[in-house]
Amino acid sequence: MGVDAVLYRQVRAGPARRRPSYVSTEVVADPNDVLLNLLKRVRGGGRTPLLDRVDPLGELVVDAEGVPQLLEELRCLAEVARAPVEVDQVRQLVLLARRCLNSRDAEIRFEGD
């Protein structure tokens, strides 16, 4: 269960490819629904419009341009994180987002089950 955050990097399209493809390079897994529980605490409060769109059964793509907003919203998650496992989950997500921010050919996908 849970929603995993996966960093994808773009693989350059070759001459036969029209569209680039992506490969996953890093995962912040959520097997115990830590992220989902944090999202429930902030959902609908108006401070996390991007994270409010995370779907536990679907996928939300955040490209490098959307990462500054994601980092702002992760601060809201950090405010409600209580247990050490929650604090660690938010810390890992921030690190993943910063890696994405430093690479214009990357994106983060929040992947539900």
Protein backbone atom coordinates (compact mmCIF):
# COMPACT_ATOMS: atom_id res chain seq x y z
CA MET A 1 0.00 0.00 0.00
CA GLY A 2 1.01 3.61 0.26
CA VAL A 3 2.22 6.13 -2.25
CA ASP A 4 5.81 5.88 -3.40
CA ALA A 5 7.69 8.95 -4.62
CA VAL A 6 9.90 8.04 -7.56
CA LEU A 7 12.52 10.21 -9.22
CA TYR A 8 12.64 9.68 -12.96
CA ARG A 9 15.31 10.96 -15.33
CA GLN A 10 14.74 11.53 -18.99
CA VAL A 11 16.56 9.27 -21.44
CA ARG A 12 17.39 11.24 -24.54
CA ALA A 13 15.34 10.29 -27.54
CA GLY A 14 17.32 8.70 -30.33
CA PRO A 15 16.75 9.31 -34.04
CA ALA A 16 14.03 6.67 -34.21
CA ARG A 17 12.21 7.98 -31.13
CA ARG A 18 9.81 10.86 -31.26
CA ARG A 19 9.23 11.14 -27.54
CA PRO A 20 11.76 10.80 -24.75
CA SER A 21 11.41 8.03 -22.25
CA TYR A 22 12.14 8.02 -18.52
CA VAL A 23 13.90 5.64 -16.17
CA SER A 24 13.46 5.54 -12.41
CA THR A 25 16.60 6.40 -10.50
CA GLU A 26 15.50 6.68 -6.87
CA VAL A 27 12.48 5.70 -4.78
CA VAL A 28 11.12 6.91 -1.46
CA ALA A 29 8.87 3.99 -0.63
CA ASP A 30 5.78 4.21 1.56
CA PRO A 31 4.97 0.60 2.48
CA ASN A 32 3.42 1.55 5.83
CA ASP A 33 1.26 4.44 4.56
CA VAL A 34 3.33 7.07 6.40
CA LEU A 35 3.02 9.55 3.54
CA LEU A 36 -0.68 8.83 3.12
CA ASN A 37 -1.32 9.49 6.80
CA LEU A 38 0.59 12.77 6.65
CA LEU A 39 -1.35 13.82 3.56
CA LYS A 40 -4.65 13.15 5.33
CA ARG A 41 -3.65 15.60 8.07
CA VAL A 42 -3.03 18.48 5.66
CA ARG A 43 -5.50 17.70 2.87
CA GLY A 44 -8.07 20.37 2.13
CA GLY A 45 -6.51 23.03 4.33
CA GLY A 46 -5.60 25.20 1.34
CA ARG A 47 -1.85 25.07 2.01
CA THR A 48 -1.05 22.00 -0.09
CA PRO A 49 -2.93 22.19 -3.40
CA LEU A 50 -0.32 20.10 -5.22
CA LEU A 51 -0.10 17.38 -2.58
CA ASP A 52 -3.90 17.38 -2.28
CA ARG A 53 -3.91 15.87 -5.78
CA VAL A 54 -1.89 12.80 -4.75
CA ASP A 55 -4.08 9.78 -5.47
CA PRO A 56 -3.45 6.57 -3.50
CA LEU A 57 -4.67 4.61 -6.53
CA GLY A 58 -3.17 6.74 -9.30
CA GLU A 59 -0.19 8.81 -10.27
CA LEU A 60 0.75 12.47 -9.91
CA VAL A 61 3.68 13.80 -11.95
CA VAL A 62 5.65 16.80 -10.69
CA ASP A 63 8.19 18.09 -13.18
CA ALA A 64 11.26 20.12 -12.24
CA GLU A 65 9.31 23.37 -12.66
CA GLY A 66 6.77 22.24 -10.04
CA VAL A 67 9.38 21.24 -7.47
CA PRO A 68 9.63 24.67 -5.77
CA GLN A 69 5.92 24.43 -4.95
CA LEU A 70 6.40 20.83 -3.82
CA LEU A 71 9.20 21.90 -1.46
CA GLU A 72 6.94 24.59 0.03
CA GLU A 73 4.18 22.06 0.59
CA LEU A 74 6.59 19.55 2.12
CA ARG A 75 7.24 22.16 4.82
CA CYS A 76 3.55 21.84 5.71
CA LEU A 77 3.99 18.07 6.03
CA ALA A 78 7.02 18.63 8.25
CA GLU A 79 4.88 20.76 10.57
CA VAL A 80 2.45 17.89 11.19
CA ALA A 81 5.06 15.11 11.31
CA ARG A 82 5.22 13.80 14.87
CA ALA A 83 6.81 10.36 14.94
CA PRO A 84 10.45 9.85 13.93
CA VAL A 85 9.33 7.71 10.98
CA GLU A 86 7.18 10.60 9.72
CA VAL A 87 9.99 13.13 10.11
CA ASP A 88 12.32 10.78 8.22
CA GLN A 89 9.78 10.28 5.42
CA VAL A 90 9.46 14.05 4.90
CA ARG A 91 13.25 14.45 5.02
CA GLN A 92 13.68 11.81 2.31
CA LEU A 93 11.03 13.50 0.15
CA VAL A 94 12.78 16.86 0.50
CA LEU A 95 16.09 15.31 -0.57
CA LEU A 96 14.40 13.68 -3.56
CA ALA A 97 12.78 16.98 -4.53
CA ARG A 98 16.10 18.82 -4.32
CA ARG A 99 17.71 16.26 -6.61
CA CYS A 100 14.91 16.79 -9.10
CA LEU A 101 15.27 20.57 -8.84
CA ASN A 102 18.92 20.35 -9.82
CA SER A 103 18.13 18.48 -13.04
CA ARG A 104 15.82 19.88 -15.70
CA ASP A 105 15.43 16.44 -17.29
CA ALA A 106 13.88 14.89 -14.17
CA GLU A 107 10.46 14.53 -12.63
CA ILE A 108 8.94 13.06 -9.49
CA ARG A 109 5.98 10.74 -9.74
CA PHE A 110 3.83 9.97 -6.74
CA GLU A 111 2.70 6.43 -7.57
CA GLY A 112 -0.19 4.84 -5.74
CA ASP A 113 -1.06 1.17 -5.69
